[in-house]
Amino acid sequence: MQQQSTVPGQFQQGEITIGEWMLTILIVAIPIVGFVMLFVWGFGSGTHPSKANWAKATLIWFAIVIGLYIVFFMIFGLALLSSR
């Protein structure tokens, strides 16, 4: 039987439980705190790889949505200004 050594800062592989996911989603639902935690989980050490990938994907979706909002409001604003 082979023993695994644990290195500080290295996450030991294991399954993330439903309770942990529920807590994660609850924390992300809190304004500002959730956004900051996405960066902590996405780019911090010691986070489970699945949670880190999920956090990074969520941040990418946030960036896409914010970009679409900016484009939409620019087009809408230009349409309003040109109608005068």
PDB file of N, CA and C in Angstrom:
ATOM      1  N   MET A   1       0.838  -1.172   0.000  1.00  0.00           N
ATOM      2  CA  MET A   1       0.000   0.000   0.000  1.00  0.00           C
ATOM      3  C   MET A   1       0.891   1.246   0.000  1.00  0.00           C
ATOM      4  N   GLN A   2       0.539   2.202  -0.869  1.00  0.00           N
ATOM      5  CA  GLN A   2       1.346   3.400  -1.022  1.00  0.00           C
ATOM      6  C   GLN A   2       0.762   4.527  -0.183  1.00  0.00           C
ATOM      7  N   GLN A   3       1.612   5.209   0.567  1.00  0.00           N
ATOM      8  CA  GLN A   3       1.158   6.331   1.368  1.00  0.00           C
ATOM      9  C   GLN A   3       1.289   7.614   0.569  1.00  0.00           C
ATOM     10  N   GLN A   4       0.314   8.491   0.780  1.00  0.00           N
ATOM     11  CA  GLN A   4       0.359   9.780   0.111  1.00  0.00           C
ATOM     12  C   GLN A   4       0.860  10.821   1.095  1.00  0.00           C
ATOM     13  N   SER A   5       1.791  11.621   0.647  1.00  0.00           N
ATOM     14  CA  SER A   5       2.268  12.702   1.498  1.00  0.00           C
ATOM     15  C   SER A   5       1.467  13.950   1.182  1.00  0.00           C
ATOM     16  N   THR A   6       1.153  14.695   2.182  1.00  0.00           N
ATOM     17  CA  THR A   6       0.414  15.941   1.967  1.00  0.00           C
ATOM     18  C   THR A   6       1.376  17.108   2.020  1.00  0.00           C
ATOM     19  N   VAL A   7       1.302  17.908   1.011  1.00  0.00           N
ATOM     20  CA  VAL A   7       2.135  19.091   0.904  1.00  0.00           C
ATOM     21  C   VAL A   7       1.274  20.290   1.295  1.00  0.00           C
ATOM     22  N   PRO A   8       1.768  21.184   2.151  1.00  0.00           N
ATOM     23  CA  PRO A   8       0.971  22.364   2.512  1.00  0.00           C
ATOM     24  C   PRO A   8       0.581  23.158   1.276  1.00  0.00           C
ATOM     25  N   GLY A   9      -0.688  23.554   1.207  1.00  0.00           N
ATOM     26  CA  GLY A   9      -1.176  24.320   0.066  1.00  0.00           C
ATOM     27  C   GLY A   9      -1.681  23.453  -1.068  1.00  0.00           C
ATOM     28  N   GLN A  10      -1.505  22.161  -0.972  1.00  0.00           N
ATOM     29  CA  GLN A  10      -1.952  21.257  -2.022  1.00  0.00           C
ATOM     30  C   GLN A  10      -3.203  20.554  -1.537  1.00  0.00           C
ATOM     31  N   PHE A  11      -4.259  20.631  -2.328  1.00  0.00           N
ATOM     32  CA  PHE A  11      -5.530  20.044  -1.919  1.00  0.00           C
ATOM     33  C   PHE A  11      -5.524  18.549  -2.180  1.00  0.00           C
ATOM     34  N   GLN A  12      -5.966  17.794  -1.205  1.00  0.00           N
ATOM     35  CA  GLN A  12      -6.059  16.347  -1.371  1.00  0.00           C
ATOM     36  C   GLN A  12      -7.356  16.054  -2.112  1.00  0.00           C
ATOM     37  N   GLN A  13      -7.274  15.256  -3.179  1.00  0.00           N
ATOM     38  CA  GLN A  13      -8.434  14.967  -4.009  1.00  0.00           C
ATOM     39  C   GLN A  13      -9.526  14.280  -3.200  1.00  0.00           C
ATOM     40  N   GLY A  14     -10.745  14.640  -3.467  1.00  0.00           N
ATOM     41  CA  GLY A  14     -11.904  14.047  -2.838  1.00  0.00           C
ATOM     42  C   GLY A  14     -13.139  14.678  -3.437  1.00  0.00           C
ATOM     43  N   GLU A  15     -14.251  14.102  -3.123  1.00  0.00           N
ATOM     44  CA  GLU A  15     -15.504  14.589  -3.666  1.00  0.00           C
ATOM     45  C   GLU A  15     -16.030  15.759  -2.831  1.00  0.00           C
ATOM     46  N   ILE A  16     -16.569  16.758  -3.509  1.00  0.00           N
ATOM     47  CA  ILE A  16     -17.203  17.868  -2.803  1.00  0.00           C
ATOM     48  C   ILE A  16     -18.640  17.447  -2.525  1.00  0.00           C
ATOM     49  N   THR A  17     -19.058  17.562  -1.281  1.00  0.00           N
ATOM     50  CA  THR A  17     -20.378  17.085  -0.889  1.00  0.00           C
ATOM     51  C   THR A  17     -21.466  18.082  -1.302  1.00  0.00           C
ATOM     52  N   ILE A  18     -22.693  17.624  -1.258  1.00  0.00           N
ATOM     53  CA  ILE A  18     -23.826  18.475  -1.584  1.00  0.00           C
ATOM     54  C   ILE A  18     -23.906  19.645  -0.608  1.00  0.00           C
ATOM     55  N   GLY A  19     -23.648  19.372   0.657  1.00  0.00           N
ATOM     56  CA  GLY A  19     -23.666  20.435   1.656  1.00  0.00           C
ATOM     57  C   GLY A  19     -22.644  21.524   1.368  1.00  0.00           C
ATOM     58  N   GLU A  20     -21.450  21.122   0.939  1.00  0.00           N
ATOM     59  CA  GLU A  20     -20.416  22.106   0.593  1.00  0.00           C
ATOM     60  C   GLU A  20     -20.843  22.947  -0.607  1.00  0.00           C
ATOM     61  N   TRP A  21     -21.475  22.300  -1.610  1.00  0.00           N
ATOM     62  CA  TRP A  21     -21.950  23.046  -2.772  1.00  0.00           C
ATOM     63  C   TRP A  21     -23.065  23.998  -2.383  1.00  0.00           C
ATOM     64  N   MET A  22     -23.960  23.565  -1.497  1.00  0.00           N
ATOM     65  CA  MET A  22     -25.045  24.444  -1.050  1.00  0.00           C
ATOM     66  C   MET A  22     -24.491  25.672  -0.333  1.00  0.00           C
ATOM     67  N   LEU A  23     -23.478  25.468   0.511  1.00  0.00           N
ATOM     68  CA  LEU A  23     -22.840  26.577   1.210  1.00  0.00           C
ATOM     69  C   LEU A  23     -22.121  27.502   0.218  1.00  0.00           C
ATOM     70  N   THR A  24     -21.488  26.915  -0.760  1.00  0.00           N
ATOM     71  CA  THR A  24     -20.784  27.695  -1.786  1.00  0.00           C
ATOM     72  C   THR A  24     -21.762  28.592  -2.533  1.00  0.00           C
ATOM     73  N   ILE A  25     -22.890  28.028  -2.949  1.00  0.00           N
ATOM     74  CA  ILE A  25     -23.884  28.797  -3.699  1.00  0.00           C
ATOM     75  C   ILE A  25     -24.494  29.885  -2.819  1.00  0.00           C
ATOM     76  N   LEU A  26     -24.714  29.583  -1.540  1.00  0.00           N
ATOM     77  CA  LEU A  26     -25.242  30.577  -0.610  1.00  0.00           C
ATOM     78  C   LEU A  26     -24.271  31.749  -0.464  1.00  0.00           C
ATOM     79  N   ILE A  27     -22.996  31.460  -0.345  1.00  0.00           N
ATOM     80  CA  ILE A  27     -21.994  32.520  -0.195  1.00  0.00           C
ATOM     81  C   ILE A  27     -21.918  33.374  -1.464  1.00  0.00           C
ATOM     82  N   VAL A  28     -21.994  32.733  -2.626  1.00  0.00           N
ATOM     83  CA  VAL A  28     -21.923  33.483  -3.884  1.00  0.00           C
ATOM     84  C   VAL A  28     -23.149  34.377  -4.054  1.00  0.00           C
ATOM     85  N   ALA A  29     -24.269  34.008  -3.452  1.00  0.00           N
ATOM     86  CA  ALA A  29     -25.491  34.804  -3.574  1.00  0.00           C
ATOM     87  C   ALA A  29     -25.432  36.102  -2.772  1.00  0.00           C
ATOM     88  N   ILE A  30     -24.476  36.240  -1.871  1.00  0.00           N
ATOM     89  CA  ILE A  30     -24.338  37.459  -1.077  1.00  0.00           C
ATOM     90  C   ILE A  30     -23.616  38.511  -1.930  1.00  0.00           C
ATOM     91  N   PRO A  31     -24.248  39.676  -2.116  1.00  0.00           N
ATOM     92  CA  PRO A  31     -23.612  40.709  -2.957  1.00  0.00           C
ATOM     93  C   PRO A  31     -22.220  41.099  -2.443  1.00  0.00           C
ATOM     94  N   ILE A  32     -21.347  41.368  -3.336  1.00  0.00           N
ATOM     95  CA  ILE A  32     -19.955  41.779  -3.142  1.00  0.00           C
ATOM     96  C   ILE A  32     -19.129  40.654  -2.509  1.00  0.00           C
ATOM     97  N   VAL A  33     -19.588  40.101  -1.405  1.00  0.00           N
ATOM     98  CA  VAL A  33     -18.858  39.005  -0.749  1.00  0.00           C
ATOM     99  C   VAL A  33     -18.736  37.817  -1.703  1.00  0.00           C
ATOM    100  N   GLY A  34     -19.829  37.486  -2.376  1.00  0.00           N
ATOM    101  CA  GLY A  34     -19.810  36.366  -3.316  1.00  0.00           C
ATOM    102  C   GLY A  34     -18.859  36.592  -4.469  1.00  0.00           C
ATOM    103  N   PHE A  35     -18.834  37.827  -4.967  1.00  0.00           N
ATOM    104  CA  PHE A  35     -17.937  38.167  -6.076  1.00  0.00           C
ATOM    105  C   PHE A  35     -16.481  38.037  -5.653  1.00  0.00           C
ATOM    106  N   VAL A  36     -16.166  38.521  -4.468  1.00  0.00           N
ATOM    107  CA  VAL A  36     -14.797  38.413  -3.946  1.00  0.00           C
ATOM    108  C   VAL A  36     -14.432  36.939  -3.733  1.00  0.00           C
ATOM    109  N   MET A  37     -15.368  36.166  -3.200  1.00  0.00           N
ATOM    110  CA  MET A  37     -15.092  34.747  -2.944  1.00  0.00           C
ATOM    111  C   MET A  37     -14.850  33.971  -4.236  1.00  0.00           C
ATOM    112  N   LEU A  38     -15.479  34.377  -5.330  1.00  0.00           N
ATOM    113  CA  LEU A  38     -15.208  33.724  -6.610  1.00  0.00           C
ATOM    114  C   LEU A  38     -13.741  33.879  -6.998  1.00  0.00           C
ATOM    115  N   PHE A  39     -13.175  35.056  -6.747  1.00  0.00           N
ATOM    116  CA  PHE A  39     -11.750  35.259  -7.022  1.00  0.00           C
ATOM    117  C   PHE A  39     -10.890  34.431  -6.077  1.00  0.00           C
ATOM    118  N   VAL A  40     -11.280  34.373  -4.805  1.00  0.00           N
ATOM    119  CA  VAL A  40     -10.514  33.591  -3.827  1.00  0.00           C
ATOM    120  C   VAL A  40     -10.525  32.122  -4.213  1.00  0.00           C
ATOM    121  N   TRP A  41     -11.698  31.589  -4.522  1.00  0.00           N
ATOM    122  CA  TRP A  41     -11.791  30.173  -4.886  1.00  0.00           C
ATOM    123  C   TRP A  41     -11.165  29.898  -6.245  1.00  0.00           C
ATOM    124  N   GLY A  42     -11.284  30.821  -7.168  1.00  0.00           N
ATOM    125  CA  GLY A  42     -10.774  30.597  -8.513  1.00  0.00           C
ATOM    126  C   GLY A  42      -9.261  30.662  -8.618  1.00  0.00           C
ATOM    127  N   PHE A  43      -8.647  31.541  -7.833  1.00  0.00           N
ATOM    128  CA  PHE A  43      -7.223  31.766  -7.997  1.00  0.00           C
ATOM    129  C   PHE A  43      -6.407  31.523  -6.732  1.00  0.00           C
ATOM    130  N   GLY A  44      -7.070  31.162  -5.650  1.00  0.00           N
ATOM    131  CA  GLY A  44      -6.352  30.879  -4.404  1.00  0.00           C
ATOM    132  C   GLY A  44      -5.847  29.448  -4.374  1.00  0.00           C
ATOM    133  N   SER A  45      -4.858  29.219  -3.545  1.00  0.00           N
ATOM    134  CA  SER A  45      -4.348  27.853  -3.404  1.00  0.00           C
ATOM    135  C   SER A  45      -5.140  27.149  -2.313  1.00  0.00           C
ATOM    136  N   GLY A  46      -5.190  25.861  -2.383  1.00  0.00           N
ATOM    137  CA  GLY A  46      -5.888  25.075  -1.372  1.00  0.00           C
ATOM    138  C   GLY A  46      -7.357  24.855  -1.677  1.00  0.00           C
ATOM    139  N   THR A  47      -7.824  25.325  -2.829  1.00  0.00           N
ATOM    140  CA  THR A  47      -9.210  25.114  -3.224  1.00  0.00           C
ATOM    141  C   THR A  47      -9.298  23.862  -4.082  1.00  0.00           C
ATOM    142  N   HIS A  48     -10.362  23.094  -3.895  1.00  0.00           N
ATOM    143  CA  HIS A  48     -10.573  21.889  -4.699  1.00  0.00           C
ATOM    144  C   HIS A  48     -10.596  22.281  -6.176  1.00  0.00           C
ATOM    145  N   PRO A  49      -9.949  21.513  -7.045  1.00  0.00           N
ATOM    146  CA  PRO A  49      -9.883  21.876  -8.471  1.00  0.00           C
ATOM    147  C   PRO A  49     -11.256  22.055  -9.119  1.00  0.00           C
ATOM    148  N   SER A  50     -12.229  21.256  -8.730  1.00  0.00           N
ATOM    149  CA  SER A  50     -13.571  21.404  -9.307  1.00  0.00           C
ATOM    150  C   SER A  50     -14.180  22.749  -8.933  1.00  0.00           C
ATOM    151  N   LYS A  51     -14.025  23.147  -7.680  1.00  0.00           N
ATOM    152  CA  LYS A  51     -14.570  24.425  -7.231  1.00  0.00           C
ATOM    153  C   LYS A  51     -13.804  25.576  -7.887  1.00  0.00           C
ATOM    154  N   ALA A  52     -12.505  25.430  -8.049  1.00  0.00           N
ATOM    155  CA  ALA A  52     -11.704  26.474  -8.694  1.00  0.00           C
ATOM    156  C   ALA A  52     -12.138  26.653 -10.150  1.00  0.00           C
ATOM    157  N   ASN A  53     -12.333  25.561 -10.858  1.00  0.00           N
ATOM    158  CA  ASN A  53     -12.780  25.647 -12.254  1.00  0.00           C
ATOM    159  C   ASN A  53     -14.176  26.250 -12.347  1.00  0.00           C
ATOM    160  N   TRP A  54     -15.068  25.871 -11.421  1.00  0.00           N
ATOM    161  CA  TRP A  54     -16.418  26.424 -11.398  1.00  0.00           C
ATOM    162  C   TRP A  54     -16.366  27.931 -11.156  1.00  0.00           C
ATOM    163  N   ALA A  55     -15.530  28.370 -10.226  1.00  0.00           N
ATOM    164  CA  ALA A  55     -15.419  29.792  -9.909  1.00  0.00           C
ATOM    165  C   ALA A  55     -14.884  30.574 -11.113  1.00  0.00           C
ATOM    166  N   LYS A  56     -13.891  30.021 -11.789  1.00  0.00           N
ATOM    167  CA  LYS A  56     -13.340  30.692 -12.973  1.00  0.00           C
ATOM    168  C   LYS A  56     -14.382  30.779 -14.081  1.00  0.00           C
ATOM    169  N   ALA A  57     -15.138  29.707 -14.297  1.00  0.00           N
ATOM    170  CA  ALA A  57     -16.184  29.716 -15.324  1.00  0.00           C
ATOM    171  C   ALA A  57     -17.270  30.733 -14.978  1.00  0.00           C
ATOM    172  N   THR A  58     -17.621  30.837 -13.707  1.00  0.00           N
ATOM    173  CA  THR A  58     -18.624  31.809 -13.274  1.00  0.00           C
ATOM    174  C   THR A  58     -18.125  33.231 -13.507  1.00  0.00           C
ATOM    175  N   LEU A  59     -16.858  33.491 -13.216  1.00  0.00           N
ATOM    176  CA  LEU A  59     -16.291  34.816 -13.471  1.00  0.00           C
ATOM    177  C   LEU A  59     -16.278  35.145 -14.963  1.00  0.00           C
ATOM    178  N   ILE A  60     -16.013  34.148 -15.797  1.00  0.00           N
ATOM    179  CA  ILE A  60     -16.047  34.367 -17.251  1.00  0.00           C
ATOM    180  C   ILE A  60     -17.464  34.728 -17.688  1.00  0.00           C
ATOM    181  N   TRP A  61     -18.476  34.026 -17.156  1.00  0.00           N
ATOM    182  CA  TRP A  61     -19.869  34.347 -17.479  1.00  0.00           C
ATOM    183  C   TRP A  61     -20.222  35.755 -17.024  1.00  0.00           C
ATOM    184  N   PHE A  62     -19.756  36.153 -15.830  1.00  0.00           N
ATOM    185  CA  PHE A  62     -19.986  37.520 -15.361  1.00  0.00           C
ATOM    186  C   PHE A  62     -19.406  38.519 -16.350  1.00  0.00           C
ATOM    187  N   ALA A  63     -18.195  38.279 -16.829  1.00  0.00           N
ATOM    188  CA  ALA A  63     -17.541  39.193 -17.768  1.00  0.00           C
ATOM    189  C   ALA A  63     -18.321  39.264 -19.082  1.00  0.00           C
ATOM    190  N   ILE A  64     -18.811  38.132 -19.563  1.00  0.00           N
ATOM    191  CA  ILE A  64     -19.593  38.112 -20.804  1.00  0.00           C
ATOM    192  C   ILE A  64     -20.877  38.914 -20.638  1.00  0.00           C
ATOM    193  N   VAL A  65     -21.584  38.692 -19.546  1.00  0.00           N
ATOM    194  CA  VAL A  65     -22.856  39.391 -19.315  1.00  0.00           C
ATOM    195  C   VAL A  65     -22.627  40.890 -19.164  1.00  0.00           C
ATOM    196  N   ILE A  66     -21.609  41.279 -18.413  1.00  0.00           N
ATOM    197  CA  ILE A  66     -21.316  42.710 -18.255  1.00  0.00           C
ATOM    198  C   ILE A  66     -20.956  43.329 -19.603  1.00  0.00           C
ATOM    199  N   GLY A  67     -20.177  42.622 -20.409  1.00  0.00           N
ATOM    200  CA  GLY A  67     -19.841  43.109 -21.747  1.00  0.00           C
ATOM    201  C   GLY A  67     -21.074  43.278 -22.621  1.00  0.00           C
ATOM    202  N   LEU A  68     -21.995  42.325 -22.562  1.00  0.00           N
ATOM    203  CA  LEU A  68     -23.236  42.432 -23.339  1.00  0.00           C
ATOM    204  C   LEU A  68     -24.097  43.598 -22.858  1.00  0.00           C
ATOM    205  N   TYR A  69     -24.153  43.810 -21.542  1.00  0.00           N
ATOM    206  CA  TYR A  69     -24.893  44.953 -21.005  1.00  0.00           C
ATOM    207  C   TYR A  69     -24.298  46.263 -21.510  1.00  0.00           C
ATOM    208  N   ILE A  70     -23.000  46.375 -21.503  1.00  0.00           N
ATOM    209  CA  ILE A  70     -22.352  47.598 -21.970  1.00  0.00           C
ATOM    210  C   ILE A  70     -22.677  47.851 -23.439  1.00  0.00           C
ATOM    211  N   VAL A  71     -22.572  46.803 -24.263  1.00  0.00           N
ATOM    212  CA  VAL A  71     -22.880  46.944 -25.691  1.00  0.00           C
ATOM    213  C   VAL A  71     -24.350  47.320 -25.867  1.00  0.00           C
ATOM    214  N   PHE A  72     -25.244  46.661 -25.142  1.00  0.00           N
ATOM    215  CA  PHE A  72     -26.677  46.948 -25.246  1.00  0.00           C
ATOM    216  C   PHE A  72     -26.980  48.395 -24.877  1.00  0.00           C
ATOM    217  N   PHE A  73     -26.450  48.869 -23.766  1.00  0.00           N
ATOM    218  CA  PHE A  73     -26.729  50.229 -23.337  1.00  0.00           C
ATOM    219  C   PHE A  73     -26.075  51.266 -24.246  1.00  0.00           C
ATOM    220  N   MET A  74     -24.942  50.933 -24.841  1.00  0.00           N
ATOM    221  CA  MET A  74     -24.336  51.850 -25.804  1.00  0.00           C
ATOM    222  C   MET A  74     -25.224  51.979 -27.036  1.00  0.00           C
ATOM    223  N   ILE A  75     -25.703  50.847 -27.545  1.00  0.00           N
ATOM    224  CA  ILE A  75     -26.585  50.876 -28.723  1.00  0.00           C
ATOM    225  C   ILE A  75     -27.887  51.590 -28.387  1.00  0.00           C
ATOM    226  N   PHE A  76     -28.470  51.276 -27.235  1.00  0.00           N
ATOM    227  CA  PHE A  76     -29.717  51.897 -26.815  1.00  0.00           C
ATOM    228  C   PHE A  76     -29.529  53.399 -26.606  1.00  0.00           C
ATOM    229  N   GLY A  77     -28.435  53.779 -25.985  1.00  0.00           N
ATOM    230  CA  GLY A  77     -28.149  55.198 -25.761  1.00  0.00           C
ATOM    231  C   GLY A  77     -27.944  55.951 -27.061  1.00  0.00           C
ATOM    232  N   LEU A  78     -27.219  55.353 -27.991  1.00  0.00           N
ATOM    233  CA  LEU A  78     -27.008  55.987 -29.298  1.00  0.00           C
ATOM    234  C   LEU A  78     -28.320  56.129 -30.068  1.00  0.00           C
ATOM    235  N   ALA A  79     -29.178  55.126 -29.940  1.00  0.00           N
ATOM    236  CA  ALA A  79     -30.477  55.187 -30.621  1.00  0.00           C
ATOM    237  C   ALA A  79     -31.315  56.318 -30.043  1.00  0.00           C
ATOM    238  N   LEU A  80     -31.272  56.501 -28.735  1.00  0.00           N
ATOM    239  CA  LEU A  80     -32.028  57.592 -28.100  1.00  0.00           C
ATOM    240  C   LEU A  80     -31.468  58.949 -28.507  1.00  0.00           C
ATOM    241  N   LEU A  81     -30.145  59.059 -28.545  1.00  0.00           N
ATOM    242  CA  LEU A  81     -29.527  60.336 -28.896  1.00  0.00           C
ATOM    243  C   LEU A  81     -29.759  60.695 -30.368  1.00  0.00           C
ATOM    244  N   SER A  82     -29.788  59.705 -31.229  1.00  0.00           N
ATOM    245  CA  SER A  82     -29.952  59.992 -32.653  1.00  0.00           C
ATOM    246  C   SER A  82     -31.404  60.290 -33.023  1.00  0.00           C
ATOM    247  N   SER A  83     -32.347  59.951 -32.155  1.00  0.00           N
ATOM    248  CA  SER A  83     -33.760  60.201 -32.460  1.00  0.00           C
ATOM    249  C   SER A  83     -34.175  61.637 -32.156  1.00  0.00           C
ATOM    250  N   ARG A  84     -33.318  62.406 -31.515  1.00  0.00           N
ATOM    251  CA  ARG A  84     -33.669  63.792 -31.154  1.00  0.00           C
ATOM    252  C   ARG A  84     -33.465  64.715 -32.282  1.00  0.00           C
TER     253      ARG A  84
END
